[in-house]
Amino acid sequence: MAEKIRVLVSEEDVDRRIEELGKQISEDYAGKQVHLICVLKGGVFFLCELAKRITIPVSLDFMSVGSYGDGTQSSGIVKITKDLDESLEGKEVLVVEDIIDSGNTLYYLLDVLKKRGPKSMHLCTLLDKPDRREKDVKVDYVGFEIPDEFVVGYGLDYAQKYRNLPYIGVVEGLE
């Protein structure tokens, strides 16, 4: 059976919420520069839209950390496949994620980044699945809390498909 995509969060709702997050982050970091760290690949769509809506100075860096492969369940093995290009020493860091599921990947990543000496470090995610949480990860900015369903769109993929959908959808018809 072929996959079907059911809209969970519309393009308009995603856009409106990112606008609200950008405003809140701008207020919270007023008078400062924030260093955004995008967790690739999925986070890049969210990061770009969020950065456009932050009104204070921002700098960007990218990191790739994975535990999924081509499946729908985390493998549980976290690996850094692309590290940061810049030092975090003394920076106001905001890690930007597409989705937080079990929390295992982020727990590992945040531990690695804290050891690099940022002045502060916070976490922003477009989507949060608290029902799946295995590790306690403090999320400072949440776009949407969603149920335990496999979602795609806005950077999230299923076997590298559907990243370019402008909304968040649920994949139906997976065996």
N, C-alpha and C. Protein backbone atom coordinates (compact mmCIF):
# COMPACT_ATOMS: atom_id res chain seq x y z
N MET A 1 0.85 -1.19 0.00
CA MET A 1 0.00 0.00 0.00
C MET A 1 0.88 1.24 0.00
N ALA A 2 0.60 2.19 -0.85
CA ALA A 2 1.38 3.43 -0.94
C ALA A 2 1.06 4.35 0.23
N GLU A 3 2.06 5.15 0.62
CA GLU A 3 1.84 6.09 1.70
C GLU A 3 0.88 7.19 1.27
N LYS A 4 0.13 7.67 2.22
CA LYS A 4 -0.70 8.85 2.03
C LYS A 4 -0.31 9.83 3.12
N ILE A 5 -0.45 11.12 2.82
CA ILE A 5 -0.09 12.15 3.78
C ILE A 5 -1.35 12.90 4.20
N ARG A 6 -1.61 12.88 5.50
CA ARG A 6 -2.74 13.61 6.08
C ARG A 6 -2.20 14.86 6.76
N VAL A 7 -2.78 16.01 6.48
CA VAL A 7 -2.31 17.27 7.07
C VAL A 7 -2.59 17.27 8.57
N LEU A 8 -1.54 17.50 9.35
CA LEU A 8 -1.65 17.61 10.80
C LEU A 8 -1.62 19.08 11.23
N VAL A 9 -0.67 19.84 10.66
CA VAL A 9 -0.55 21.27 10.94
C VAL A 9 -0.43 21.97 9.59
N SER A 10 -1.36 22.87 9.32
CA SER A 10 -1.40 23.54 8.01
C SER A 10 -0.21 24.48 7.82
N GLU A 11 0.05 24.80 6.57
CA GLU A 11 1.12 25.74 6.22
C GLU A 11 0.89 27.08 6.92
N GLU A 12 -0.34 27.54 6.97
CA GLU A 12 -0.66 28.82 7.60
C GLU A 12 -0.38 28.79 9.10
N ASP A 13 -0.73 27.68 9.75
CA ASP A 13 -0.48 27.56 11.19
C ASP A 13 1.02 27.47 11.49
N VAL A 14 1.76 26.77 10.65
CA VAL A 14 3.22 26.68 10.83
C VAL A 14 3.82 28.08 10.70
N ASP A 15 3.43 28.80 9.66
CA ASP A 15 3.96 30.14 9.41
C ASP A 15 3.65 31.08 10.58
N ARG A 16 2.43 31.04 11.05
CA ARG A 16 2.01 31.91 12.16
C ARG A 16 2.80 31.59 13.43
N ARG A 17 3.00 30.32 13.71
CA ARG A 17 3.71 29.94 14.93
C ARG A 17 5.20 30.30 14.85
N ILE A 18 5.80 30.16 13.69
CA ILE A 18 7.21 30.55 13.55
C ILE A 18 7.36 32.05 13.74
N GLU A 19 6.41 32.82 13.26
CA GLU A 19 6.40 34.27 13.49
C GLU A 19 6.38 34.57 14.99
N GLU A 20 5.53 33.87 15.73
CA GLU A 20 5.43 34.06 17.19
C GLU A 20 6.74 33.67 17.89
N LEU A 21 7.33 32.56 17.46
CA LEU A 21 8.60 32.12 18.06
C LEU A 21 9.71 33.14 17.80
N GLY A 22 9.77 33.66 16.58
CA GLY A 22 10.77 34.66 16.23
C GLY A 22 10.64 35.90 17.10
N LYS A 23 9.42 36.33 17.33
CA LYS A 23 9.17 37.50 18.18
C LYS A 23 9.61 37.22 19.62
N GLN A 24 9.25 36.06 20.14
CA GLN A 24 9.61 35.70 21.52
C GLN A 24 11.12 35.60 21.70
N ILE A 25 11.79 34.97 20.77
CA ILE A 25 13.25 34.83 20.83
C ILE A 25 13.90 36.21 20.75
N SER A 26 13.40 37.07 19.88
CA SER A 26 13.93 38.42 19.75
C SER A 26 13.80 39.19 21.06
N GLU A 27 12.67 39.03 21.72
CA GLU A 27 12.46 39.70 23.02
C GLU A 27 13.36 39.11 24.09
N ASP A 28 13.46 37.78 24.13
CA ASP A 28 14.26 37.12 25.16
C ASP A 28 15.75 37.41 25.04
N TYR A 29 16.23 37.62 23.83
CA TYR A 29 17.65 37.88 23.58
C TYR A 29 17.90 39.36 23.25
N ALA A 30 16.99 40.23 23.57
CA ALA A 30 17.13 41.66 23.24
C ALA A 30 18.48 42.20 23.70
N GLY A 31 19.14 42.93 22.81
CA GLY A 31 20.45 43.52 23.12
C GLY A 31 21.61 42.55 22.96
N LYS A 32 21.33 41.35 22.50
CA LYS A 32 22.37 40.32 22.34
C LYS A 32 22.38 39.83 20.90
N GLN A 33 23.39 39.05 20.59
CA GLN A 33 23.42 38.30 19.33
C GLN A 33 23.22 36.84 19.69
N VAL A 34 22.40 36.16 18.93
CA VAL A 34 22.17 34.75 19.19
C VAL A 34 22.80 33.92 18.07
N HIS A 35 23.46 32.84 18.49
CA HIS A 35 24.12 31.93 17.56
C HIS A 35 23.22 30.71 17.38
N LEU A 36 22.61 30.60 16.21
CA LEU A 36 21.69 29.51 15.92
C LEU A 36 22.47 28.31 15.40
N ILE A 37 22.23 27.17 16.01
CA ILE A 37 22.83 25.92 15.54
C ILE A 37 21.70 25.06 14.98
N CYS A 38 21.79 24.81 13.71
CA CYS A 38 20.78 23.99 13.02
C CYS A 38 21.23 22.54 13.03
N VAL A 39 20.30 21.68 13.43
CA VAL A 39 20.56 20.25 13.35
C VAL A 39 20.02 19.78 12.01
N LEU A 40 20.95 19.40 11.12
CA LEU A 40 20.60 18.99 9.76
C LEU A 40 20.08 17.56 9.74
N LYS A 41 19.37 17.17 8.74
CA LYS A 41 18.96 17.92 7.58
C LYS A 41 17.62 18.60 7.83
N GLY A 42 16.78 17.95 8.60
CA GLY A 42 15.41 18.41 8.79
C GLY A 42 15.27 19.81 9.34
N GLY A 43 16.18 20.22 10.19
CA GLY A 43 16.05 21.51 10.85
C GLY A 43 16.28 22.71 9.96
N VAL A 44 16.85 22.51 8.77
CA VAL A 44 17.22 23.65 7.93
C VAL A 44 16.00 24.45 7.45
N PHE A 45 14.91 23.80 7.16
CA PHE A 45 13.70 24.51 6.72
C PHE A 45 13.20 25.42 7.84
N PHE A 46 13.11 24.88 9.03
CA PHE A 46 12.65 25.64 10.20
C PHE A 46 13.62 26.76 10.54
N LEU A 47 14.93 26.45 10.55
CA LEU A 47 15.92 27.45 10.88
C LEU A 47 15.84 28.66 9.95
N CYS A 48 15.75 28.42 8.67
CA CYS A 48 15.70 29.53 7.70
C CYS A 48 14.50 30.43 7.95
N GLU A 49 13.35 29.84 8.14
CA GLU A 49 12.15 30.64 8.38
C GLU A 49 12.21 31.34 9.73
N LEU A 50 12.73 30.68 10.74
CA LEU A 50 12.85 31.27 12.07
C LEU A 50 13.84 32.44 12.04
N ALA A 51 15.00 32.24 11.43
CA ALA A 51 16.03 33.28 11.39
C ALA A 51 15.51 34.55 10.71
N LYS A 52 14.68 34.40 9.69
CA LYS A 52 14.12 35.57 8.99
C LYS A 52 13.20 36.38 9.90
N ARG A 53 12.69 35.76 10.94
CA ARG A 53 11.72 36.42 11.82
C ARG A 53 12.32 36.89 13.14
N ILE A 54 13.60 36.64 13.34
CA ILE A 54 14.31 37.13 14.53
C ILE A 54 14.88 38.49 14.18
N THR A 55 14.60 39.48 15.02
CA THR A 55 14.96 40.87 14.70
C THR A 55 16.28 41.33 15.32
N ILE A 56 16.93 40.49 16.08
CA ILE A 56 18.24 40.81 16.63
C ILE A 56 19.30 40.15 15.76
N PRO A 57 20.58 40.51 15.93
CA PRO A 57 21.63 39.87 15.12
C PRO A 57 21.71 38.35 15.39
N VAL A 58 21.86 37.61 14.32
CA VAL A 58 22.02 36.16 14.43
C VAL A 58 23.25 35.72 13.64
N SER A 59 23.85 34.65 14.08
CA SER A 59 24.86 33.94 13.31
C SER A 59 24.40 32.49 13.24
N LEU A 60 24.89 31.77 12.26
CA LEU A 60 24.42 30.42 12.02
C LEU A 60 25.57 29.43 11.95
N ASP A 61 25.31 28.22 12.38
CA ASP A 61 26.22 27.11 12.15
C ASP A 61 25.37 25.85 12.01
N PHE A 62 25.96 24.81 11.49
CA PHE A 62 25.21 23.61 11.17
C PHE A 62 25.93 22.38 11.69
N MET A 63 25.11 21.43 12.11
CA MET A 63 25.62 20.17 12.65
C MET A 63 24.69 19.06 12.16
N SER A 64 25.26 17.93 11.88
CA SER A 64 24.44 16.80 11.48
C SER A 64 24.65 15.67 12.48
N VAL A 65 23.55 15.27 13.07
CA VAL A 65 23.55 14.21 14.07
C VAL A 65 22.42 13.28 13.71
N GLY A 66 22.67 11.99 13.68
CA GLY A 66 21.61 11.10 13.25
C GLY A 66 21.46 9.86 14.08
N SER A 67 20.22 9.33 14.05
CA SER A 67 19.96 8.04 14.69
C SER A 67 18.83 7.29 14.00
N TYR A 68 18.37 7.78 12.83
CA TYR A 68 17.22 7.16 12.18
C TYR A 68 17.55 6.30 10.97
N GLY A 69 18.47 6.72 10.12
CA GLY A 69 18.67 6.01 8.87
C GLY A 69 17.45 6.19 7.99
N ASP A 70 16.96 5.12 7.38
CA ASP A 70 15.80 5.20 6.50
C ASP A 70 14.52 4.71 7.16
N GLY A 71 14.55 4.44 8.45
CA GLY A 71 13.38 3.89 9.11
C GLY A 71 12.52 4.93 9.78
N THR A 72 11.53 4.45 10.51
CA THR A 72 10.61 5.33 11.23
C THR A 72 10.88 5.29 12.73
N GLN A 73 11.78 4.43 13.17
CA GLN A 73 12.14 4.32 14.58
C GLN A 73 13.63 4.64 14.73
N SER A 74 13.97 5.36 15.80
CA SER A 74 15.36 5.68 16.07
C SER A 74 16.14 4.39 16.28
N SER A 75 17.36 4.36 15.75
CA SER A 75 18.22 3.19 15.94
C SER A 75 18.80 3.17 17.35
N GLY A 76 18.79 4.32 18.03
CA GLY A 76 19.35 4.41 19.37
C GLY A 76 20.84 4.70 19.37
N ILE A 77 21.47 4.65 18.23
CA ILE A 77 22.90 4.95 18.11
C ILE A 77 23.04 6.34 17.53
N VAL A 78 23.63 7.25 18.30
CA VAL A 78 23.77 8.64 17.87
C VAL A 78 25.17 8.84 17.32
N LYS A 79 25.26 9.49 16.17
CA LYS A 79 26.59 9.80 15.63
C LYS A 79 26.58 11.20 15.02
N ILE A 80 27.69 11.90 15.22
CA ILE A 80 27.88 13.22 14.61
C ILE A 80 28.48 12.99 13.24
N THR A 81 27.76 13.40 12.21
CA THR A 81 28.25 13.21 10.85
C THR A 81 28.80 14.50 10.25
N LYS A 82 28.46 15.66 10.84
CA LYS A 82 29.04 16.94 10.47
C LYS A 82 29.10 17.79 11.73
N ASP A 83 30.30 18.20 12.11
CA ASP A 83 30.45 19.01 13.31
C ASP A 83 30.39 20.49 12.96
N LEU A 84 30.32 21.31 13.99
CA LEU A 84 30.26 22.76 13.83
C LEU A 84 31.55 23.30 13.20
N ASP A 85 31.42 24.45 12.52
CA ASP A 85 32.58 25.11 11.94
C ASP A 85 33.19 26.13 12.89
N GLU A 86 32.39 26.65 13.84
CA GLU A 86 32.84 27.72 14.72
C GLU A 86 32.83 27.27 16.18
N SER A 87 33.63 27.96 16.98
CA SER A 87 33.67 27.73 18.43
C SER A 87 32.39 28.28 19.06
N LEU A 88 31.97 27.67 20.15
CA LEU A 88 30.80 28.16 20.89
C LEU A 88 31.20 28.99 22.11
N GLU A 89 32.47 29.10 22.35
CA GLU A 89 32.99 29.77 23.53
C GLU A 89 32.38 31.16 23.71
N GLY A 90 31.67 31.36 24.82
CA GLY A 90 31.12 32.66 25.18
C GLY A 90 29.90 33.10 24.39
N LYS A 91 29.34 32.25 23.55
CA LYS A 91 28.21 32.64 22.70
C LYS A 91 26.86 32.30 23.34
N GLU A 92 25.87 33.09 22.98
CA GLU A 92 24.47 32.81 23.34
C GLU A 92 23.97 31.85 22.27
N VAL A 93 23.83 30.59 22.62
CA VAL A 93 23.53 29.54 21.65
C VAL A 93 22.07 29.11 21.74
N LEU A 94 21.46 29.00 20.58
CA LEU A 94 20.10 28.45 20.47
C LEU A 94 20.16 27.29 19.48
N VAL A 95 19.97 26.08 19.97
CA VAL A 95 19.94 24.89 19.12
C VAL A 95 18.55 24.80 18.52
N VAL A 96 18.50 24.67 17.19
CA VAL A 96 17.23 24.64 16.46
C VAL A 96 17.03 23.26 15.86
N GLU A 97 15.96 22.60 16.28
CA GLU A 97 15.64 21.24 15.84
C GLU A 97 14.31 21.22 15.11
N ASP A 98 14.13 20.22 14.25
CA ASP A 98 12.84 20.04 13.60
C ASP A 98 11.86 19.33 14.53
N ILE A 99 12.33 18.28 15.22
CA ILE A 99 11.43 17.50 16.07
C ILE A 99 12.21 16.87 17.22
N ILE A 100 11.58 16.81 18.36
CA ILE A 100 12.15 16.08 19.50
C ILE A 100 11.19 14.94 19.81
N ASP A 101 11.73 13.75 19.72
CA ASP A 101 10.96 12.53 19.87
C ASP A 101 11.37 11.87 21.19
N SER A 102 12.23 10.89 21.16
CA SER A 102 12.67 10.21 22.38
C SER A 102 13.54 11.12 23.24
N GLY A 103 14.20 12.08 22.62
CA GLY A 103 15.11 12.96 23.33
C GLY A 103 16.52 12.41 23.40
N ASN A 104 16.74 11.19 22.97
CA ASN A 104 18.06 10.57 23.07
C ASN A 104 19.12 11.34 22.27
N THR A 105 18.81 11.68 21.04
CA THR A 105 19.76 12.39 20.19
C THR A 105 20.09 13.76 20.78
N LEU A 106 19.06 14.50 21.19
CA LEU A 106 19.28 15.85 21.73
C LEU A 106 20.00 15.80 23.06
N TYR A 107 19.71 14.83 23.88
CA TYR A 107 20.38 14.68 25.17
C TYR A 107 21.88 14.54 24.95
N TYR A 108 22.24 13.70 24.01
CA TYR A 108 23.64 13.48 23.66
C TYR A 108 24.25 14.76 23.08
N LEU A 109 23.56 15.37 22.13
CA LEU A 109 24.07 16.56 21.46
C LEU A 109 24.26 17.71 22.44
N LEU A 110 23.28 17.97 23.28
CA LEU A 110 23.38 19.08 24.24
C LEU A 110 24.53 18.86 25.21
N ASP A 111 24.76 17.63 25.61
CA ASP A 111 25.89 17.32 26.48
C ASP A 111 27.21 17.65 25.80
N VAL A 112 27.33 17.29 24.54
CA VAL A 112 28.55 17.59 23.76
C VAL A 112 28.74 19.10 23.65
N LEU A 113 27.68 19.83 23.33
CA LEU A 113 27.77 21.27 23.11
C LEU A 113 28.05 22.05 24.40
N LYS A 114 27.48 21.63 25.52
CA LYS A 114 27.70 22.31 26.81
C LYS A 114 29.19 22.32 27.17
N LYS A 115 29.89 21.30 26.79
CA LYS A 115 31.32 21.18 27.10
C LYS A 115 32.18 22.14 26.26
N ARG A 116 31.56 22.82 25.29
CA ARG A 116 32.30 23.72 24.41
C ARG A 116 32.23 25.19 24.87
N GLY A 117 31.71 25.43 26.06
CA GLY A 117 31.79 26.73 26.69
C GLY A 117 30.88 27.84 26.23
N PRO A 118 29.63 27.55 25.81
CA PRO A 118 28.75 28.67 25.44
C PRO A 118 28.37 29.48 26.68
N LYS A 119 28.09 30.76 26.49
CA LYS A 119 27.63 31.61 27.60
C LYS A 119 26.28 31.10 28.09
N SER A 120 25.40 30.78 27.15
CA SER A 120 24.11 30.17 27.47
C SER A 120 23.75 29.23 26.34
N MET A 121 22.87 28.31 26.63
CA MET A 121 22.41 27.40 25.58
C MET A 121 20.95 27.05 25.83
N HIS A 122 20.14 27.26 24.81
CA HIS A 122 18.72 26.94 24.88
C HIS A 122 18.33 26.11 23.66
N LEU A 123 17.13 25.58 23.70
CA LEU A 123 16.67 24.67 22.67
C LEU A 123 15.33 25.13 22.12
N CYS A 124 15.23 25.13 20.80
CA CYS A 124 14.00 25.49 20.09
C CYS A 124 13.68 24.36 19.13
N THR A 125 12.44 23.90 19.16
CA THR A 125 12.02 22.85 18.23
C THR A 125 10.70 23.22 17.58
N LEU A 126 10.55 22.86 16.33
CA LEU A 126 9.27 23.08 15.66
C LEU A 126 8.23 22.13 16.22
N LEU A 127 8.61 20.87 16.41
CA LEU A 127 7.67 19.85 16.86
C LEU A 127 8.20 19.12 18.09
N ASP A 128 7.31 18.82 19.01
CA ASP A 128 7.67 18.09 20.21
C ASP A 128 6.68 16.94 20.40
N LYS A 129 7.23 15.74 20.61
CA LYS A 129 6.42 14.55 20.89
C LYS A 129 6.72 14.09 22.31
N PRO A 130 6.14 14.73 23.31
CA PRO A 130 6.48 14.38 24.70
C PRO A 130 6.09 12.96 25.09
N ASP A 131 5.11 12.36 24.43
CA ASP A 131 4.69 11.00 24.76
C ASP A 131 5.78 9.96 24.46
N ARG A 132 6.73 10.33 23.62
CA ARG A 132 7.80 9.41 23.23
C ARG A 132 9.09 9.62 24.03
N ARG A 133 9.10 10.61 24.92
CA ARG A 133 10.32 11.01 25.60
C ARG A 133 10.89 9.91 26.47
N GLU A 134 12.18 9.63 26.26
CA GLU A 134 12.94 8.69 27.07
C GLU A 134 13.99 9.42 27.91
N LYS A 135 14.51 10.53 27.38
CA LYS A 135 15.50 11.34 28.09
C LYS A 135 14.90 12.69 28.40
N ASP A 136 15.20 13.21 29.59
CA ASP A 136 14.69 14.51 30.00
C ASP A 136 15.48 15.62 29.32
N VAL A 137 14.85 16.27 28.35
CA VAL A 137 15.46 17.36 27.61
C VAL A 137 14.59 18.60 27.82
N LYS A 138 15.20 19.67 28.32
CA LYS A 138 14.45 20.91 28.56
C LYS A 138 14.33 21.67 27.24
N VAL A 139 13.10 21.86 26.80
CA VAL A 139 12.83 22.58 25.56
C VAL A 139 12.32 23.97 25.92
N ASP A 140 13.03 24.99 25.45
CA ASP A 140 12.70 26.37 25.80
C ASP A 140 11.65 26.98 24.88
N TYR A 141 11.66 26.60 23.62
CA TYR A 141 10.72 27.14 22.64
C TYR A 141 10.15 25.97 21.83
N VAL A 142 8.83 25.84 21.85
CA VAL A 142 8.17 24.74 21.14
C VAL A 142 7.17 25.33 20.14
N GLY A 143 7.28 24.88 18.91
CA GLY A 143 6.30 25.28 17.91
C GLY A 143 4.97 24.61 18.17
N PHE A 144 4.97 23.28 18.11
CA PHE A 144 3.74 22.51 18.30
C PHE A 144 4.05 21.23 19.07
N GLU A 145 3.20 20.90 20.00
CA GLU A 145 3.24 19.60 20.65
C GLU A 145 2.32 18.71 19.83
N ILE A 146 2.85 17.55 19.42
CA ILE A 146 2.08 16.67 18.53
C ILE A 146 1.96 15.28 19.13
N PRO A 147 0.96 14.52 18.65
CA PRO A 147 0.80 13.14 19.12
C PRO A 147 1.88 12.23 18.54
N ASP A 148 1.92 11.02 19.04
CA ASP A 148 2.91 10.04 18.61
C ASP A 148 2.50 9.43 17.26
N GLU A 149 2.74 10.21 16.22
CA GLU A 149 2.51 9.74 14.84
C GLU A 149 3.75 10.09 14.04
N PHE A 150 3.99 9.35 12.97
CA PHE A 150 5.16 9.61 12.14
C PHE A 150 4.84 10.75 11.17
N VAL A 151 5.57 11.87 11.32
CA VAL A 151 5.25 13.06 10.55
C VAL A 151 6.35 13.41 9.55
N VAL A 152 5.92 14.11 8.51
CA VAL A 152 6.82 14.58 7.46
C VAL A 152 6.45 16.01 7.10
N GLY A 153 7.29 16.60 6.27
CA GLY A 153 7.04 17.95 5.79
C GLY A 153 7.84 18.97 6.57
N TYR A 154 8.03 20.11 5.96
CA TYR A 154 8.77 21.21 6.58
C TYR A 154 10.15 20.75 7.05
N GLY A 155 10.78 19.92 6.24
CA GLY A 155 12.11 19.42 6.54
C GLY A 155 12.16 17.99 7.02
N LEU A 156 11.06 17.51 7.58
CA LEU A 156 11.02 16.14 8.07
C LEU A 156 10.76 15.18 6.91
N ASP A 157 11.42 14.03 6.97
CA ASP A 157 11.31 13.13 5.83
C ASP A 157 10.96 11.70 6.24
N TYR A 158 10.57 10.96 5.24
CA TYR A 158 10.46 9.51 5.34
C TYR A 158 11.31 8.97 4.20
N ALA A 159 12.46 8.37 4.54
CA ALA A 159 13.40 7.84 3.56
C ALA A 159 13.75 8.90 2.50
N GLN A 160 14.01 10.12 2.98
CA GLN A 160 14.41 11.27 2.17
C GLN A 160 13.29 11.85 1.30
N LYS A 161 12.06 11.40 1.49
CA LYS A 161 10.92 11.93 0.73
C LYS A 161 10.12 12.88 1.63
N TYR A 162 9.40 13.78 1.01
CA TYR A 162 8.41 14.66 1.65
C TYR A 162 8.98 15.84 2.42
N ARG A 163 10.30 16.05 2.44
CA ARG A 163 10.87 17.19 3.17
C ARG A 163 10.29 18.52 2.69
N ASN A 164 10.00 18.61 1.42
CA ASN A 164 9.60 19.88 0.82
C ASN A 164 8.12 20.22 0.98
N LEU A 165 7.36 19.42 1.68
CA LEU A 165 5.96 19.78 1.93
C LEU A 165 5.92 21.03 2.80
N PRO A 166 5.05 21.99 2.49
CA PRO A 166 5.01 23.25 3.25
C PRO A 166 4.18 23.17 4.53
N TYR A 167 3.77 21.98 4.90
CA TYR A 167 2.96 21.75 6.09
C TYR A 167 3.52 20.51 6.80
N ILE A 168 2.96 20.22 7.99
CA ILE A 168 3.33 19.00 8.71
C ILE A 168 2.23 17.98 8.45
N GLY A 169 2.63 16.82 7.94
CA GLY A 169 1.67 15.78 7.63
C GLY A 169 2.00 14.47 8.33
N VAL A 170 1.00 13.64 8.47
CA VAL A 170 1.16 12.31 9.05
C VAL A 170 1.23 11.31 7.91
N VAL A 171 2.23 10.44 7.96
CA VAL A 171 2.36 9.40 6.94
C VAL A 171 1.44 8.26 7.31
N GLU A 172 0.52 7.95 6.41
CA GLU A 172 -0.38 6.82 6.61
C GLU A 172 -0.11 5.77 5.55
N GLY A 173 -0.36 4.52 5.88
CA GLY A 173 -0.13 3.43 4.94
C GLY A 173 1.24 2.80 5.03
N LEU A 174 1.98 3.11 6.10
CA LEU A 174 3.27 2.44 6.28
C LEU A 174 3.02 1.05 6.84
N GLU A 175 3.75 0.10 6.33
CA GLU A 175 3.64 -1.29 6.81
C GLU A 175 4.48 -1.48 8.03
